[in-house]
Amino acid sequence: MVELDLSGVAWRKSSRSQNGSANCVEVANLSGVTGVRDSKNPSGPALVFAPAAFTAFIGAVKTGRLDLS
């Protein structure tokens, strides 16, 4: 496992987030990878995806394959 220092990274909220909501997903463009974290817990863990894996992750989210309900 490789640990990345994500302090000082510029995170941005999803364009689908409601204004002022704390229940959002945030993403960050890192050197060659994309970070994803929960805005409710900014000091918590983050997922880090290689470009192809991030594209597959977004596809799965958009098609509902990751819905828990």
Protein backbone atom coordinates (compact mmCIF):
# COMPACT_ATOMS: atom_id res chain seq x y z
CA MET A 1 0.00 0.00 0.00
CA VAL A 2 1.28 3.46 -0.92
CA GLU A 3 0.41 6.39 1.31
CA LEU A 4 -0.12 9.78 -0.29
CA ASP A 5 0.07 13.08 1.56
CA LEU A 6 -3.28 14.67 0.72
CA SER A 7 -2.84 17.72 2.95
CA GLY A 8 -2.87 20.86 0.88
CA VAL A 9 -4.70 19.16 -2.00
CA ALA A 10 -7.39 21.26 -3.71
CA TRP A 11 -10.64 19.31 -3.28
CA ARG A 12 -13.85 20.28 -5.09
CA LYS A 13 -17.42 19.18 -4.51
CA SER A 14 -19.42 17.28 -7.05
CA SER A 15 -21.42 19.45 -9.45
CA ARG A 16 -24.45 17.42 -8.32
CA SER A 17 -24.10 18.55 -4.69
CA GLN A 18 -26.75 20.80 -3.21
CA ASN A 19 -25.53 24.26 -2.20
CA GLY A 20 -24.41 24.29 1.43
CA SER A 21 -24.85 20.55 1.89
CA ALA A 22 -22.19 18.74 3.94
CA ASN A 23 -23.22 15.36 2.50
CA CYS A 24 -21.15 15.51 -0.64
CA VAL A 25 -18.45 13.71 -2.52
CA GLU A 26 -15.29 15.70 -3.19
CA VAL A 27 -12.68 14.95 -5.83
CA ALA A 28 -9.11 16.10 -6.35
CA ASN A 29 -6.85 15.83 -9.36
CA LEU A 30 -3.52 14.50 -8.18
CA SER A 31 -0.42 13.61 -10.14
CA GLY A 32 -1.75 10.94 -12.51
CA VAL A 33 -4.59 9.81 -10.22
CA THR A 34 -7.92 11.11 -8.87
CA GLY A 35 -8.78 11.28 -5.18
CA VAL A 36 -12.34 10.89 -3.84
CA ARG A 37 -13.45 11.60 -0.27
CA ASP A 38 -16.55 12.22 1.85
CA SER A 39 -16.97 15.93 2.59
CA LYS A 40 -18.41 15.10 6.04
CA ASN A 41 -15.05 13.64 7.04
CA PRO A 42 -12.31 15.62 5.25
CA SER A 43 -9.57 14.23 7.50
CA GLY A 44 -10.81 10.66 6.99
CA PRO A 45 -9.79 8.17 4.34
CA ALA A 46 -9.86 8.89 0.63
CA LEU A 47 -10.06 6.58 -2.35
CA VAL A 48 -7.43 7.06 -5.04
CA PHE A 49 -8.10 5.90 -8.60
CA ALA A 50 -5.92 5.47 -11.67
CA PRO A 51 -7.54 7.15 -14.72
CA ALA A 52 -9.19 4.00 -16.15
CA ALA A 53 -10.43 2.90 -12.72
CA PHE A 54 -11.93 6.35 -12.05
CA THR A 55 -13.75 6.25 -15.39
CA ALA A 56 -15.14 2.80 -14.50
CA PHE A 57 -16.13 4.02 -11.01
CA ILE A 58 -18.02 7.01 -12.43
CA GLY A 59 -19.74 4.73 -14.94
CA ALA A 60 -20.86 2.40 -12.15
CA VAL A 61 -22.19 5.33 -10.12
CA LYS A 62 -24.10 6.78 -13.09
CA THR A 63 -25.76 3.47 -13.94
CA GLY A 64 -26.75 2.76 -10.32
CA ARG A 65 -24.61 -0.36 -9.94
CA LEU A 66 -23.34 0.90 -6.57
CA ASP A 67 -26.74 1.82 -5.09
CA LEU A 68 -27.26 0.10 -1.76
CA SER A 69 -31.04 0.37 -1.75
